[in-house]
Amino acid sequence: MRFWAATLLNPGIKGGSDLDKGRDCTVFRRKDGRWINKSNGDDGVLTVHDTKKEAMNAAREMLNNHGGGRLTVKGWDGRIKFKDTIKAS
């Protein structure tokens, strides 16, 4: 899985600490075709991926490790395709 940490893309984010609060995540497609895993309520991108599956797996893992939360996945058209509640481990 190839991804780049948000701290490299946006130095204002401090090591994923936003997820420590159990915030929700959204996976969506960027204009260049790459897939984004983003914390809701935050302007920073958490991770960038080549496929939607990779982005979804990264979001699930992060939510699982940081208190749980809601995962929202959007399709190519930007519409919500499904939502899932991720419990903390």
N, C-alpha and C. Protein backbone atom coordinates (compact mmCIF):
# COMPACT_ATOMS: atom_id res chain seq x y z
N MET A 1 0.84 -1.17 0.00
CA MET A 1 0.00 0.00 0.00
C MET A 1 0.89 1.23 0.00
N ARG A 2 0.63 2.14 -0.93
CA ARG A 2 1.39 3.38 -1.00
C ARG A 2 0.54 4.52 -0.46
N PHE A 3 1.07 5.22 0.52
CA PHE A 3 0.39 6.41 1.00
C PHE A 3 1.40 7.37 1.59
N TRP A 4 0.97 8.59 1.68
CA TRP A 4 1.83 9.64 2.22
C TRP A 4 1.14 10.21 3.44
N ALA A 5 1.86 10.32 4.51
CA ALA A 5 1.28 10.83 5.76
C ALA A 5 0.88 12.28 5.60
N ALA A 6 -0.18 12.64 6.28
CA ALA A 6 -0.69 14.00 6.20
C ALA A 6 0.33 15.02 6.66
N THR A 7 1.18 14.65 7.58
CA THR A 7 2.15 15.61 8.08
C THR A 7 3.12 16.03 6.98
N LEU A 8 3.30 15.17 5.96
CA LEU A 8 4.14 15.56 4.84
C LEU A 8 3.41 16.51 3.90
N LEU A 9 2.09 16.31 3.76
CA LEU A 9 1.30 17.13 2.87
C LEU A 9 0.85 18.44 3.52
N ASN A 10 0.64 18.39 4.82
CA ASN A 10 0.13 19.55 5.54
C ASN A 10 0.81 19.59 6.91
N PRO A 11 1.88 20.35 7.03
CA PRO A 11 2.63 20.38 8.29
C PRO A 11 1.82 20.85 9.49
N GLY A 12 0.64 21.45 9.25
CA GLY A 12 -0.20 21.91 10.35
C GLY A 12 -0.85 20.78 11.13
N ILE A 13 -0.87 19.58 10.57
CA ILE A 13 -1.45 18.44 11.25
C ILE A 13 -0.36 17.81 12.11
N LYS A 14 -0.68 17.50 13.34
CA LYS A 14 0.32 16.96 14.25
C LYS A 14 0.13 15.47 14.43
N GLY A 15 0.79 14.69 13.58
CA GLY A 15 0.87 13.26 13.75
C GLY A 15 -0.44 12.51 13.92
N GLY A 16 -1.52 12.97 13.29
CA GLY A 16 -2.78 12.27 13.36
C GLY A 16 -3.49 12.41 14.69
N SER A 17 -3.14 13.40 15.49
CA SER A 17 -3.74 13.55 16.81
C SER A 17 -5.23 13.85 16.72
N ASP A 18 -5.70 14.36 15.59
CA ASP A 18 -7.13 14.62 15.43
C ASP A 18 -7.94 13.34 15.56
N LEU A 19 -7.37 12.21 15.15
CA LEU A 19 -8.10 10.95 15.25
C LEU A 19 -8.16 10.45 16.68
N ASP A 20 -7.32 10.96 17.56
CA ASP A 20 -7.36 10.52 18.95
C ASP A 20 -8.71 10.84 19.58
N LYS A 21 -9.44 11.78 19.02
CA LYS A 21 -10.74 12.17 19.54
C LYS A 21 -11.85 11.30 18.96
N GLY A 22 -11.52 10.30 18.15
CA GLY A 22 -12.52 9.43 17.57
C GLY A 22 -13.33 10.09 16.48
N ARG A 23 -12.73 11.01 15.77
CA ARG A 23 -13.44 11.70 14.70
C ARG A 23 -13.76 10.76 13.55
N ASP A 24 -14.73 11.16 12.77
CA ASP A 24 -15.13 10.40 11.60
C ASP A 24 -14.20 10.67 10.43
N CYS A 25 -14.18 9.75 9.47
CA CYS A 25 -13.35 9.89 8.28
C CYS A 25 -14.20 9.74 7.02
N THR A 26 -13.78 10.42 5.97
CA THR A 26 -14.42 10.30 4.66
C THR A 26 -13.38 9.92 3.64
N VAL A 27 -13.73 8.97 2.78
CA VAL A 27 -12.88 8.56 1.66
C VAL A 27 -13.54 9.08 0.39
N PHE A 28 -12.77 9.79 -0.44
CA PHE A 28 -13.31 10.33 -1.68
C PHE A 28 -12.22 10.44 -2.73
N ARG A 29 -12.63 10.61 -3.98
CA ARG A 29 -11.71 10.71 -5.12
C ARG A 29 -11.33 12.17 -5.37
N ARG A 30 -10.05 12.38 -5.54
CA ARG A 30 -9.52 13.70 -5.87
C ARG A 30 -9.60 13.90 -7.38
N LYS A 31 -9.47 15.12 -7.87
CA LYS A 31 -9.55 15.42 -9.30
C LYS A 31 -8.51 14.68 -10.14
N ASP A 32 -7.36 14.40 -9.55
CA ASP A 32 -6.30 13.70 -10.29
C ASP A 32 -6.50 12.17 -10.29
N GLY A 33 -7.58 11.69 -9.69
CA GLY A 33 -7.88 10.27 -9.69
C GLY A 33 -7.40 9.50 -8.48
N ARG A 34 -6.64 10.15 -7.62
CA ARG A 34 -6.15 9.49 -6.40
C ARG A 34 -7.25 9.55 -5.34
N TRP A 35 -7.17 8.67 -4.38
CA TRP A 35 -8.18 8.57 -3.33
C TRP A 35 -7.66 9.12 -2.02
N ILE A 36 -8.51 9.88 -1.32
CA ILE A 36 -8.16 10.60 -0.10
C ILE A 36 -8.87 9.98 1.10
N ASN A 37 -8.16 9.86 2.20
CA ASN A 37 -8.71 9.51 3.50
C ASN A 37 -8.58 10.77 4.33
N LYS A 38 -9.72 11.39 4.69
CA LYS A 38 -9.72 12.68 5.36
C LYS A 38 -10.53 12.62 6.64
N SER A 39 -10.05 13.29 7.67
CA SER A 39 -10.79 13.41 8.92
C SER A 39 -11.86 14.48 8.75
N ASN A 40 -13.10 14.16 9.09
CA ASN A 40 -14.18 15.15 8.97
C ASN A 40 -13.96 16.29 9.95
N GLY A 41 -14.31 17.48 9.55
CA GLY A 41 -14.15 18.64 10.41
C GLY A 41 -12.72 19.17 10.45
N ASP A 42 -11.89 18.69 9.56
CA ASP A 42 -10.48 19.09 9.52
C ASP A 42 -10.12 19.34 8.06
N ASP A 43 -9.34 20.37 7.79
CA ASP A 43 -8.96 20.68 6.42
C ASP A 43 -7.81 19.83 5.91
N GLY A 44 -7.16 19.07 6.79
CA GLY A 44 -5.98 18.31 6.40
C GLY A 44 -6.31 16.93 5.87
N VAL A 45 -5.58 16.52 4.87
CA VAL A 45 -5.69 15.17 4.33
C VAL A 45 -4.88 14.23 5.22
N LEU A 46 -5.46 13.09 5.56
CA LEU A 46 -4.73 12.13 6.38
C LEU A 46 -3.79 11.30 5.51
N THR A 47 -4.34 10.68 4.47
CA THR A 47 -3.51 9.88 3.57
C THR A 47 -4.03 9.96 2.15
N VAL A 48 -3.15 9.71 1.18
CA VAL A 48 -3.48 9.71 -0.25
C VAL A 48 -3.13 8.34 -0.80
N HIS A 49 -4.03 7.76 -1.62
CA HIS A 49 -3.86 6.39 -2.11
C HIS A 49 -4.15 6.30 -3.60
N ASP A 50 -3.64 5.24 -4.20
CA ASP A 50 -3.88 4.99 -5.62
C ASP A 50 -5.25 4.38 -5.88
N THR A 51 -5.81 3.65 -4.90
CA THR A 51 -7.11 3.01 -5.09
C THR A 51 -8.05 3.32 -3.93
N LYS A 52 -9.34 3.20 -4.22
CA LYS A 52 -10.34 3.42 -3.18
C LYS A 52 -10.20 2.36 -2.08
N LYS A 53 -9.92 1.14 -2.45
CA LYS A 53 -9.77 0.06 -1.48
C LYS A 53 -8.65 0.36 -0.48
N GLU A 54 -7.52 0.84 -0.98
CA GLU A 54 -6.40 1.20 -0.09
C GLU A 54 -6.80 2.31 0.88
N ALA A 55 -7.50 3.32 0.37
CA ALA A 55 -7.92 4.44 1.21
C ALA A 55 -8.92 3.98 2.28
N MET A 56 -9.85 3.10 1.89
CA MET A 56 -10.82 2.58 2.84
C MET A 56 -10.14 1.75 3.93
N ASN A 57 -9.21 0.91 3.54
CA ASN A 57 -8.49 0.10 4.53
C ASN A 57 -7.70 0.97 5.50
N ALA A 58 -7.07 2.02 4.99
CA ALA A 58 -6.30 2.93 5.85
C ALA A 58 -7.24 3.65 6.82
N ALA A 59 -8.39 4.10 6.33
CA ALA A 59 -9.35 4.80 7.18
C ALA A 59 -9.87 3.88 8.27
N ARG A 60 -10.22 2.65 7.91
CA ARG A 60 -10.71 1.68 8.90
C ARG A 60 -9.66 1.41 9.97
N GLU A 61 -8.43 1.23 9.54
CA GLU A 61 -7.35 0.95 10.50
C GLU A 61 -7.14 2.13 11.44
N MET A 62 -7.13 3.35 10.90
CA MET A 62 -6.92 4.53 11.73
C MET A 62 -8.06 4.71 12.73
N LEU A 63 -9.31 4.55 12.26
CA LEU A 63 -10.44 4.70 13.17
C LEU A 63 -10.40 3.62 14.25
N ASN A 64 -10.08 2.42 13.86
CA ASN A 64 -9.99 1.31 14.80
C ASN A 64 -8.95 1.58 15.89
N ASN A 65 -7.83 2.15 15.49
CA ASN A 65 -6.72 2.40 16.42
C ASN A 65 -6.87 3.68 17.24
N HIS A 66 -7.82 4.54 16.86
CA HIS A 66 -7.93 5.84 17.53
C HIS A 66 -9.32 6.12 18.09
N GLY A 67 -9.94 5.11 18.64
CA GLY A 67 -11.19 5.35 19.36
C GLY A 67 -12.46 5.08 18.58
N GLY A 68 -12.36 4.62 17.37
CA GLY A 68 -13.55 4.33 16.57
C GLY A 68 -14.14 5.57 15.94
N GLY A 69 -15.19 5.38 15.17
CA GLY A 69 -15.85 6.49 14.51
C GLY A 69 -16.62 6.02 13.29
N ARG A 70 -17.09 6.95 12.52
CA ARG A 70 -17.92 6.67 11.35
C ARG A 70 -17.09 6.84 10.09
N LEU A 71 -17.14 5.85 9.20
CA LEU A 71 -16.46 5.92 7.91
C LEU A 71 -17.51 6.18 6.83
N THR A 72 -17.30 7.23 6.06
CA THR A 72 -18.17 7.56 4.93
C THR A 72 -17.34 7.40 3.66
N VAL A 73 -17.90 6.67 2.68
CA VAL A 73 -17.19 6.44 1.42
C VAL A 73 -18.02 7.01 0.29
N LYS A 74 -17.37 7.87 -0.52
CA LYS A 74 -18.02 8.46 -1.68
C LYS A 74 -17.50 7.80 -2.94
N GLY A 75 -18.32 7.77 -3.97
CA GLY A 75 -17.94 7.18 -5.24
C GLY A 75 -17.28 8.20 -6.15
N TRP A 76 -17.04 7.77 -7.39
CA TRP A 76 -16.41 8.65 -8.39
C TRP A 76 -17.21 9.92 -8.60
N ASP A 77 -18.53 9.84 -8.45
CA ASP A 77 -19.40 10.99 -8.69
C ASP A 77 -19.51 11.92 -7.49
N GLY A 78 -18.87 11.58 -6.38
CA GLY A 78 -18.91 12.42 -5.19
C GLY A 78 -20.09 12.14 -4.28
N ARG A 79 -20.97 11.23 -4.67
CA ARG A 79 -22.12 10.90 -3.85
C ARG A 79 -21.75 9.82 -2.83
N ILE A 80 -22.38 9.88 -1.67
CA ILE A 80 -22.12 8.89 -0.63
C ILE A 80 -22.60 7.53 -1.10
N LYS A 81 -21.71 6.55 -1.05
CA LYS A 81 -22.05 5.19 -1.45
C LYS A 81 -22.43 4.34 -0.25
N PHE A 82 -21.74 4.52 0.85
CA PHE A 82 -22.11 3.82 2.08
C PHE A 82 -21.41 4.43 3.28
N LYS A 83 -21.93 4.07 4.45
CA LYS A 83 -21.35 4.49 5.73
C LYS A 83 -21.17 3.24 6.59
N ASP A 84 -20.16 3.28 7.44
CA ASP A 84 -19.87 2.15 8.32
C ASP A 84 -19.39 2.70 9.65
N THR A 85 -19.80 2.08 10.72
CA THR A 85 -19.32 2.45 12.05
C THR A 85 -18.16 1.52 12.42
N ILE A 86 -17.03 2.11 12.75
CA ILE A 86 -15.84 1.36 13.10
C ILE A 86 -15.66 1.45 14.62
N LYS A 87 -15.59 0.29 15.26
CA LYS A 87 -15.39 0.27 16.72
C LYS A 87 -13.91 0.27 17.04
N ALA A 88 -13.59 0.85 18.15
CA ALA A 88 -12.19 0.87 18.62
C ALA A 88 -11.78 -0.52 19.06
N SER A 89 -10.50 -0.82 18.87
CA SER A 89 -10.02 -2.13 19.31
C SER A 89 -9.56 -2.10 20.75
